[in-house]
Amino acid sequence: MDEDYIFREFGVTDEQLDAMAGEYEDGTWDGPVTKPRRGRPRQFDEDNSIVTFRLTRSDIDKLDRLANSHHRTRSEYLRDAVSQLLANV
């Protein structure tokens, strides 16, 4: 992970993470300590379902190039696109 990814995903800089780790390690941390959860972190506050559909190989290739050009995964790009579409409904 690079510093830009950490900041985009977690909203903190590498220096802030180091400072928080130092506080935790020396016993001065006053933030929450929660029990670790197995699996991927939740992305939404509500339950979600898997949606599958078929695309042609050429459309998938175009989609992947488009997602990569925005530094997103295919799933992230599709979720964002669907959210934007549904925001206008």
PDB file of N, CA and C in Angstrom:
ATOM      1  N   MET A   1       0.847  -1.188   0.000  1.00  0.00           N
ATOM      2  CA  MET A   1       0.000   0.000   0.000  1.00  0.00           C
ATOM      3  C   MET A   1       0.883   1.238   0.000  1.00  0.00           C
ATOM      4  N   ASP A   2       0.540   2.188  -0.835  1.00  0.00           N
ATOM      5  CA  ASP A   2       1.277   3.445  -0.805  1.00  0.00           C
ATOM      6  C   ASP A   2       0.504   4.471   0.029  1.00  0.00           C
ATOM      7  N   GLU A   3       1.152   5.596   0.283  1.00  0.00           N
ATOM      8  CA  GLU A   3       0.556   6.610   1.163  1.00  0.00           C
ATOM      9  C   GLU A   3      -0.744   7.175   0.601  1.00  0.00           C
ATOM     10  N   ASP A   4      -0.816   7.342  -0.720  1.00  0.00           N
ATOM     11  CA  ASP A   4      -2.053   7.861  -1.325  1.00  0.00           C
ATOM     12  C   ASP A   4      -3.213   6.906  -1.104  1.00  0.00           C
ATOM     13  N   TYR A   5      -2.970   5.596  -1.257  1.00  0.00           N
ATOM     14  CA  TYR A   5      -4.017   4.597  -1.043  1.00  0.00           C
ATOM     15  C   TYR A   5      -4.486   4.633   0.415  1.00  0.00           C
ATOM     16  N   ILE A   6      -3.557   4.677   1.352  1.00  0.00           N
ATOM     17  CA  ILE A   6      -3.916   4.716   2.779  1.00  0.00           C
ATOM     18  C   ILE A   6      -4.777   5.935   3.062  1.00  0.00           C
ATOM     19  N   PHE A   7      -4.399   7.090   2.520  1.00  0.00           N
ATOM     20  CA  PHE A   7      -5.172   8.297   2.776  1.00  0.00           C
ATOM     21  C   PHE A   7      -6.554   8.206   2.139  1.00  0.00           C
ATOM     22  N   ARG A   8      -6.647   7.712   0.876  1.00  0.00           N
ATOM     23  CA  ARG A   8      -7.949   7.576   0.214  1.00  0.00           C
ATOM     24  C   ARG A   8      -8.873   6.629   0.958  1.00  0.00           C
ATOM     25  N   GLU A   9      -8.328   5.497   1.410  1.00  0.00           N
ATOM     26  CA  GLU A   9      -9.161   4.470   2.031  1.00  0.00           C
ATOM     27  C   GLU A   9      -9.486   4.748   3.495  1.00  0.00           C
ATOM     28  N   PHE A  10      -8.544   5.327   4.226  1.00  0.00           N
ATOM     29  CA  PHE A  10      -8.718   5.465   5.677  1.00  0.00           C
ATOM     30  C   PHE A  10      -8.741   6.905   6.171  1.00  0.00           C
ATOM     31  N   GLY A  11      -8.412   7.867   5.310  1.00  0.00           N
ATOM     32  CA  GLY A  11      -8.473   9.274   5.699  1.00  0.00           C
ATOM     33  C   GLY A  11      -7.396   9.712   6.673  1.00  0.00           C
ATOM     34  N   VAL A  12      -6.293   8.975   6.722  1.00  0.00           N
ATOM     35  CA  VAL A  12      -5.177   9.347   7.594  1.00  0.00           C
ATOM     36  C   VAL A  12      -3.876   9.242   6.806  1.00  0.00           C
ATOM     37  N   THR A  13      -2.886  10.020   7.238  1.00  0.00           N
ATOM     38  CA  THR A  13      -1.576   9.957   6.595  1.00  0.00           C
ATOM     39  C   THR A  13      -0.732   8.885   7.264  1.00  0.00           C
ATOM     40  N   ASP A  14       0.355   8.550   6.623  1.00  0.00           N
ATOM     41  CA  ASP A  14       1.286   7.570   7.176  1.00  0.00           C
ATOM     42  C   ASP A  14       1.830   8.063   8.521  1.00  0.00           C
ATOM     43  N   GLU A  15       2.098   9.355   8.613  1.00  0.00           N
ATOM     44  CA  GLU A  15       2.609   9.923   9.867  1.00  0.00           C
ATOM     45  C   GLU A  15       1.574   9.820  10.989  1.00  0.00           C
ATOM     46  N   GLN A  16       0.307  10.057  10.658  1.00  0.00           N
ATOM     47  CA  GLN A  16      -0.753   9.934  11.661  1.00  0.00           C
ATOM     48  C   GLN A  16      -0.872   8.495  12.151  1.00  0.00           C
ATOM     49  N   LEU A  17      -0.764   7.533  11.221  1.00  0.00           N
ATOM     50  CA  LEU A  17      -0.816   6.131  11.628  1.00  0.00           C
ATOM     51  C   LEU A  17       0.351   5.781  12.546  1.00  0.00           C
ATOM     52  N   ASP A  18       1.540   6.265  12.219  1.00  0.00           N
ATOM     53  CA  ASP A  18       2.702   6.011  13.072  1.00  0.00           C
ATOM     54  C   ASP A  18       2.499   6.600  14.468  1.00  0.00           C
ATOM     55  N   ALA A  19       1.936   7.814  14.528  1.00  0.00           N
ATOM     56  CA  ALA A  19       1.692   8.450  15.824  1.00  0.00           C
ATOM     57  C   ALA A  19       0.667   7.658  16.633  1.00  0.00           C
ATOM     58  N   MET A  20      -0.407   7.198  15.970  1.00  0.00           N
ATOM     59  CA  MET A  20      -1.421   6.395  16.674  1.00  0.00           C
ATOM     60  C   MET A  20      -0.832   5.079  17.166  1.00  0.00           C
ATOM     61  N   ALA A  21      -0.002   4.456  16.346  1.00  0.00           N
ATOM     62  CA  ALA A  21       0.629   3.199  16.752  1.00  0.00           C
ATOM     63  C   ALA A  21       1.530   3.428  17.952  1.00  0.00           C
ATOM     64  N   GLY A  22       2.265   4.535  17.955  1.00  0.00           N
ATOM     65  CA  GLY A  22       3.125   4.859  19.095  1.00  0.00           C
ATOM     66  C   GLY A  22       2.329   5.038  20.376  1.00  0.00           C
ATOM     67  N   GLU A  23       1.190   5.745  20.295  1.00  0.00           N
ATOM     68  CA  GLU A  23       0.331   5.936  21.464  1.00  0.00           C
ATOM     69  C   GLU A  23      -0.199   4.596  21.968  1.00  0.00           C
ATOM     70  N   TYR A  24      -0.616   3.740  21.034  1.00  0.00           N
ATOM     71  CA  TYR A  24      -1.141   2.431  21.438  1.00  0.00           C
ATOM     72  C   TYR A  24      -0.058   1.611  22.124  1.00  0.00           C
ATOM     73  N   GLU A  25       1.136   1.624  21.543  1.00  0.00           N
ATOM     74  CA  GLU A  25       2.229   0.821  22.080  1.00  0.00           C
ATOM     75  C   GLU A  25       2.729   1.326  23.430  1.00  0.00           C
ATOM     76  N   ASP A  26       2.690   2.652  23.664  1.00  0.00           N
ATOM     77  CA  ASP A  26       3.174   3.145  24.964  1.00  0.00           C
ATOM     78  C   ASP A  26       2.061   3.310  26.003  1.00  0.00           C
ATOM     79  N   GLY A  27       0.836   2.894  25.640  1.00  0.00           N
ATOM     80  CA  GLY A  27      -0.263   2.878  26.601  1.00  0.00           C
ATOM     81  C   GLY A  27      -1.010   4.177  26.757  1.00  0.00           C
ATOM     82  N   THR A  28      -0.764   5.157  25.897  1.00  0.00           N
ATOM     83  CA  THR A  28      -1.456   6.442  26.016  1.00  0.00           C
ATOM     84  C   THR A  28      -2.613   6.584  25.021  1.00  0.00           C
ATOM     85  N   TRP A  29      -2.898   5.539  24.276  1.00  0.00           N
ATOM     86  CA  TRP A  29      -3.983   5.564  23.287  1.00  0.00           C
ATOM     87  C   TRP A  29      -5.315   5.705  23.986  1.00  0.00           C
ATOM     88  N   ASP A  30      -6.119   6.720  23.577  1.00  0.00           N
ATOM     89  CA  ASP A  30      -7.441   6.894  24.176  1.00  0.00           C
ATOM     90  C   ASP A  30      -8.559   6.620  23.175  1.00  0.00           C
ATOM     91  N   GLY A  31      -8.202   6.106  22.029  1.00  0.00           N
ATOM     92  CA  GLY A  31      -9.197   5.764  21.017  1.00  0.00           C
ATOM     93  C   GLY A  31      -9.836   4.421  21.303  1.00  0.00           C
ATOM     94  N   PRO A  32     -10.826   4.058  20.510  1.00  0.00           N
ATOM     95  CA  PRO A  32     -11.519   2.789  20.727  1.00  0.00           C
ATOM     96  C   PRO A  32     -10.631   1.596  20.335  1.00  0.00           C
ATOM     97  N   VAL A  33     -10.796   0.530  21.065  1.00  0.00           N
ATOM     98  CA  VAL A  33     -10.147  -0.727  20.710  1.00  0.00           C
ATOM     99  C   VAL A  33     -11.271  -1.736  20.539  1.00  0.00           C
ATOM    100  N   THR A  34     -11.433  -2.218  19.333  1.00  0.00           N
ATOM    101  CA  THR A  34     -12.517  -3.152  19.056  1.00  0.00           C
ATOM    102  C   THR A  34     -11.961  -4.524  18.749  1.00  0.00           C
ATOM    103  N   LYS A  35     -12.804  -5.514  18.908  1.00  0.00           N
ATOM    104  CA  LYS A  35     -12.408  -6.880  18.616  1.00  0.00           C
ATOM    105  C   LYS A  35     -12.273  -7.040  17.104  1.00  0.00           C
ATOM    106  N   PRO A  36     -11.184  -7.635  16.624  1.00  0.00           N
ATOM    107  CA  PRO A  36     -11.033  -7.829  15.177  1.00  0.00           C
ATOM    108  C   PRO A  36     -12.132  -8.723  14.627  1.00  0.00           C
ATOM    109  N   ARG A  37     -12.555  -8.426  13.396  1.00  0.00           N
ATOM    110  CA  ARG A  37     -13.558  -9.235  12.713  1.00  0.00           C
ATOM    111  C   ARG A  37     -12.892 -10.000  11.588  1.00  0.00           C
ATOM    112  N   ARG A  38     -13.367 -11.201  11.348  1.00  0.00           N
ATOM    113  CA  ARG A  38     -12.866 -11.973  10.219  1.00  0.00           C
ATOM    114  C   ARG A  38     -13.524 -11.498   8.936  1.00  0.00           C
ATOM    115  N   GLY A  39     -12.811 -11.674   7.850  1.00  0.00           N
ATOM    116  CA  GLY A  39     -13.379 -11.362   6.546  1.00  0.00           C
ATOM    117  C   GLY A  39     -13.151  -9.929   6.127  1.00  0.00           C
ATOM    118  N   ARG A  40     -13.745  -9.604   5.003  1.00  0.00           N
ATOM    119  CA  ARG A  40     -13.601  -8.266   4.454  1.00  0.00           C
ATOM    120  C   ARG A  40     -14.372  -7.261   5.309  1.00  0.00           C
ATOM    121  N   PRO A  41     -13.873  -6.034   5.397  1.00  0.00           N
ATOM    122  CA  PRO A  41     -14.638  -5.009   6.120  1.00  0.00           C
ATOM    123  C   PRO A  41     -15.926  -4.673   5.373  1.00  0.00           C
ATOM    124  N   ARG A  42     -16.951  -4.329   6.140  1.00  0.00           N
ATOM    125  CA  ARG A  42     -18.228  -3.941   5.525  1.00  0.00           C
ATOM    126  C   ARG A  42     -18.038  -2.647   4.756  1.00  0.00           C
ATOM    127  N   GLN A  43     -18.664  -2.561   3.605  1.00  0.00           N
ATOM    128  CA  GLN A  43     -18.595  -1.352   2.801  1.00  0.00           C
ATOM    129  C   GLN A  43     -19.857  -0.508   2.922  1.00  0.00           C
ATOM    130  N   PHE A  44     -20.911  -1.107   3.473  1.00  0.00           N
ATOM    131  CA  PHE A  44     -22.191  -0.423   3.524  1.00  0.00           C
ATOM    132  C   PHE A  44     -22.799  -0.589   4.912  1.00  0.00           C
ATOM    133  N   ASP A  45     -23.699   0.320   5.273  1.00  0.00           N
ATOM    134  CA  ASP A  45     -24.370   0.246   6.563  1.00  0.00           C
ATOM    135  C   ASP A  45     -25.594  -0.657   6.531  1.00  0.00           C
ATOM    136  N   GLU A  46     -25.936  -1.171   5.382  1.00  0.00           N
ATOM    137  CA  GLU A  46     -27.087  -2.053   5.272  1.00  0.00           C
ATOM    138  C   GLU A  46     -26.668  -3.349   4.575  1.00  0.00           C
ATOM    139  N   ASP A  47     -27.506  -4.357   4.695  1.00  0.00           N
ATOM    140  CA  ASP A  47     -27.208  -5.624   4.044  1.00  0.00           C
ATOM    141  C   ASP A  47     -27.144  -5.422   2.534  1.00  0.00           C
ATOM    142  N   ASN A  48     -26.316  -6.226   1.886  1.00  0.00           N
ATOM    143  CA  ASN A  48     -26.237  -6.140   0.439  1.00  0.00           C
ATOM    144  C   ASN A  48     -26.286  -7.539  -0.161  1.00  0.00           C
ATOM    145  N   SER A  49     -26.467  -7.609  -1.446  1.00  0.00           N
ATOM    146  CA  SER A  49     -26.572  -8.870  -2.169  1.00  0.00           C
ATOM    147  C   SER A  49     -25.646  -8.846  -3.366  1.00  0.00           C
ATOM    148  N   ILE A  50     -25.314 -10.017  -3.842  1.00  0.00           N
ATOM    149  CA  ILE A  50     -24.479 -10.150  -5.027  1.00  0.00           C
ATOM    150  C   ILE A  50     -25.367 -10.091  -6.260  1.00  0.00           C
ATOM    151  N   VAL A  51     -24.939  -9.327  -7.254  1.00  0.00           N
ATOM    152  CA  VAL A  51     -25.653  -9.214  -8.517  1.00  0.00           C
ATOM    153  C   VAL A  51     -24.696  -9.696  -9.613  1.00  0.00           C
ATOM    154  N   THR A  52     -25.147 -10.617 -10.420  1.00  0.00           N
ATOM    155  CA  THR A  52     -24.311 -11.095 -11.524  1.00  0.00           C
ATOM    156  C   THR A  52     -25.040 -10.906 -12.840  1.00  0.00           C
ATOM    157  N   PHE A  53     -24.279 -10.645 -13.882  1.00  0.00           N
ATOM    158  CA  PHE A  53     -24.836 -10.559 -15.223  1.00  0.00           C
ATOM    159  C   PHE A  53     -23.726 -10.801 -16.223  1.00  0.00           C
ATOM    160  N   ARG A  54     -24.095 -11.077 -17.439  1.00  0.00           N
ATOM    161  CA  ARG A  54     -23.133 -11.415 -18.486  1.00  0.00           C
ATOM    162  C   ARG A  54     -22.835 -10.210 -19.368  1.00  0.00           C
ATOM    163  N   LEU A  55     -21.565 -10.113 -19.744  1.00  0.00           N
ATOM    164  CA  LEU A  55     -21.114  -9.119 -20.708  1.00  0.00           C
ATOM    165  C   LEU A  55     -20.228  -9.820 -21.730  1.00  0.00           C
ATOM    166  N   THR A  56     -20.094  -9.207 -22.886  1.00  0.00           N
ATOM    167  CA  THR A  56     -19.167  -9.768 -23.861  1.00  0.00           C
ATOM    168  C   THR A  56     -17.736  -9.546 -23.386  1.00  0.00           C
ATOM    169  N   ARG A  57     -16.826 -10.363 -23.853  1.00  0.00           N
ATOM    170  CA  ARG A  57     -15.419 -10.228 -23.475  1.00  0.00           C
ATOM    171  C   ARG A  57     -14.904  -8.848 -23.842  1.00  0.00           C
ATOM    172  N   SER A  58     -15.296  -8.339 -25.026  1.00  0.00           N
ATOM    173  CA  SER A  58     -14.810  -7.014 -25.440  1.00  0.00           C
ATOM    174  C   SER A  58     -15.339  -5.920 -24.515  1.00  0.00           C
ATOM    175  N   ASP A  59     -16.594  -6.033 -24.053  1.00  0.00           N
ATOM    176  CA  ASP A  59     -17.135  -5.049 -23.103  1.00  0.00           C
ATOM    177  C   ASP A  59     -16.429  -5.141 -21.758  1.00  0.00           C
ATOM    178  N   ILE A  60     -16.104  -6.350 -21.328  1.00  0.00           N
ATOM    179  CA  ILE A  60     -15.380  -6.515 -20.059  1.00  0.00           C
ATOM    180  C   ILE A  60     -13.996  -5.882 -20.164  1.00  0.00           C
ATOM    181  N   ASP A  61     -13.330  -6.090 -21.292  1.00  0.00           N
ATOM    182  CA  ASP A  61     -12.007  -5.494 -21.492  1.00  0.00           C
ATOM    183  C   ASP A  61     -12.080  -3.969 -21.457  1.00  0.00           C
ATOM    184  N   LYS A  62     -13.090  -3.406 -22.117  1.00  0.00           N
ATOM    185  CA  LYS A  62     -13.281  -1.951 -22.093  1.00  0.00           C
ATOM    186  C   LYS A  62     -13.560  -1.459 -20.675  1.00  0.00           C
ATOM    187  N   LEU A  63     -14.418  -2.191 -19.973  1.00  0.00           N
ATOM    188  CA  LEU A  63     -14.763  -1.827 -18.596  1.00  0.00           C
ATOM    189  C   LEU A  63     -13.530  -1.857 -17.706  1.00  0.00           C
ATOM    190  N   ASP A  64     -12.721  -2.891 -17.833  1.00  0.00           N
ATOM    191  CA  ASP A  64     -11.508  -3.003 -17.023  1.00  0.00           C
ATOM    192  C   ASP A  64     -10.535  -1.866 -17.324  1.00  0.00           C
ATOM    193  N   ARG A  65     -10.380  -1.530 -18.605  1.00  0.00           N
ATOM    194  CA  ARG A  65      -9.485  -0.412 -18.956  1.00  0.00           C
ATOM    195  C   ARG A  65     -10.001   0.892 -18.361  1.00  0.00           C
ATOM    196  N   LEU A  66     -11.310   1.089 -18.429  1.00  0.00           N
ATOM    197  CA  LEU A  66     -11.904   2.304 -17.882  1.00  0.00           C
ATOM    198  C   LEU A  66     -11.720   2.365 -16.364  1.00  0.00           C
ATOM    199  N   ALA A  67     -12.002   1.263 -15.687  1.00  0.00           N
ATOM    200  CA  ALA A  67     -11.841   1.215 -14.232  1.00  0.00           C
ATOM    201  C   ALA A  67     -10.381   1.449 -13.845  1.00  0.00           C
ATOM    202  N   ASN A  68      -9.466   0.789 -14.553  1.00  0.00           N
ATOM    203  CA  ASN A  68      -8.037   0.956 -14.251  1.00  0.00           C
ATOM    204  C   ASN A  68      -7.574   2.390 -14.467  1.00  0.00           C
ATOM    205  N   SER A  69      -8.133   3.048 -15.468  1.00  0.00           N
ATOM    206  CA  SER A  69      -7.740   4.437 -15.734  1.00  0.00           C
ATOM    207  C   SER A  69      -8.166   5.370 -14.601  1.00  0.00           C
ATOM    208  N   HIS A  70      -9.148   4.928 -13.807  1.00  0.00           N
ATOM    209  CA  HIS A  70      -9.606   5.707 -12.645  1.00  0.00           C
ATOM    210  C   HIS A  70      -9.069   5.120 -11.340  1.00  0.00           C
ATOM    211  N   HIS A  71      -8.109   4.199 -11.455  1.00  0.00           N
ATOM    212  CA  HIS A  71      -7.492   3.554 -10.284  1.00  0.00           C
ATOM    213  C   HIS A  71      -8.531   2.875  -9.394  1.00  0.00           C
ATOM    214  N   ARG A  72      -9.468   2.200 -10.034  1.00  0.00           N
ATOM    215  CA  ARG A  72     -10.545   1.497  -9.330  1.00  0.00           C
ATOM    216  C   ARG A  72     -10.581   0.051  -9.805  1.00  0.00           C
ATOM    217  N   THR A  73     -11.130  -0.818  -8.981  1.00  0.00           N
ATOM    218  CA  THR A  73     -11.375  -2.178  -9.434  1.00  0.00           C
ATOM    219  C   THR A  73     -12.646  -2.182 -10.281  1.00  0.00           C
ATOM    220  N   ARG A  74     -12.862  -3.260 -10.991  1.00  0.00           N
ATOM    221  CA  ARG A  74     -14.075  -3.392 -11.780  1.00  0.00           C
ATOM    222  C   ARG A  74     -15.304  -3.242 -10.892  1.00  0.00           C
ATOM    223  N   SER A  75     -15.311  -3.923  -9.752  1.00  0.00           N
ATOM    224  CA  SER A  75     -16.469  -3.862  -8.843  1.00  0.00           C
ATOM    225  C   SER A  75     -16.686  -2.459  -8.302  1.00  0.00           C
ATOM    226  N   GLU A  76     -15.601  -1.800  -7.892  1.00  0.00           N
ATOM    227  CA  GLU A  76     -15.742  -0.432  -7.374  1.00  0.00           C
ATOM    228  C   GLU A  76     -16.325   0.487  -8.442  1.00  0.00           C
ATOM    229  N   TYR A  77     -15.800   0.346  -9.654  1.00  0.00           N
ATOM    230  CA  TYR A  77     -16.274   1.202 -10.740  1.00  0.00           C
ATOM    231  C   TYR A  77     -17.750   0.955 -11.036  1.00  0.00           C
ATOM    232  N   LEU A  78     -18.154  -0.313 -11.096  1.00  0.00           N
ATOM    233  CA  LEU A  78     -19.562  -0.628 -11.366  1.00  0.00           C
ATOM    234  C   LEU A  78     -20.463  -0.159 -10.225  1.00  0.00           C
ATOM    235  N   ARG A  79     -20.037  -0.351  -8.964  1.00  0.00           N
ATOM    236  CA  ARG A  79     -20.857   0.130  -7.835  1.00  0.00           C
ATOM    237  C   ARG A  79     -21.058   1.632  -7.925  1.00  0.00           C
ATOM    238  N   ASP A  80     -19.975   2.375  -8.222  1.00  0.00           N
ATOM    239  CA  ASP A  80     -20.093   3.830  -8.335  1.00  0.00           C
ATOM    240  C   ASP A  80     -21.020   4.223  -9.481  1.00  0.00           C
ATOM    241  N   ALA A  81     -20.891   3.532 -10.621  1.00  0.00           N
ATOM    242  CA  ALA A  81     -21.729   3.849 -11.784  1.00  0.00           C
ATOM    243  C   ALA A  81     -23.205   3.591 -11.476  1.00  0.00           C
ATOM    244  N   VAL A  82     -23.500   2.471 -10.851  1.00  0.00           N
ATOM    245  CA  VAL A  82     -24.887   2.145 -10.515  1.00  0.00           C
ATOM    246  C   VAL A  82     -25.427   3.144  -9.492  1.00  0.00           C
ATOM    247  N   SER A  83     -24.610   3.498  -8.501  1.00  0.00           N
ATOM    248  CA  SER A  83     -25.048   4.476  -7.488  1.00  0.00           C
ATOM    249  C   SER A  83     -25.387   5.814  -8.133  1.00  0.00           C
ATOM    250  N   GLN A  84     -24.561   6.254  -9.074  1.00  0.00           N
ATOM    251  CA  GLN A  84     -24.840   7.519  -9.773  1.00  0.00           C
ATOM    252  C   GLN A  84     -26.111   7.425 -10.592  1.00  0.00           C
ATOM    253  N   LEU A  85     -26.302   6.325 -11.258  1.00  0.00           N
ATOM    254  CA  LEU A  85     -27.516   6.116 -12.053  1.00  0.00           C
ATOM    255  C   LEU A  85     -28.760   6.127 -11.166  1.00  0.00           C
ATOM    256  N   LEU A  86     -28.703   5.433 -10.035  1.00  0.00           N
ATOM    257  CA  LEU A  86     -29.861   5.337  -9.159  1.00  0.00           C
ATOM    258  C   LEU A  86     -30.120   6.611  -8.364  1.00  0.00           C
ATOM    259  N   ALA A  87     -29.112   7.449  -8.227  1.00  0.00           N
ATOM    260  CA  ALA A  87     -29.301   8.718  -7.516  1.00  0.00           C
ATOM    261  C   ALA A  87     -30.277   9.621  -8.258  1.00  0.00           C
ATOM    262  N   ASN A  88     -30.414   9.395  -9.554  1.00  0.00           N
ATOM    263  CA  ASN A  88     -31.307  10.220 -10.373  1.00  0.00           C
ATOM    264  C   ASN A  88     -32.709   9.629 -10.511  1.00  0.00           C
ATOM    265  N   VAL A  89     -32.983   8.560  -9.797  1.00  0.00           N
ATOM    266  CA  VAL A  89     -34.296   7.895  -9.906  1.00  0.00           C
ATOM    267  C   VAL A  89     -35.218   8.451  -8.840  1.00  0.00           C
TER     268      VAL A  89
END
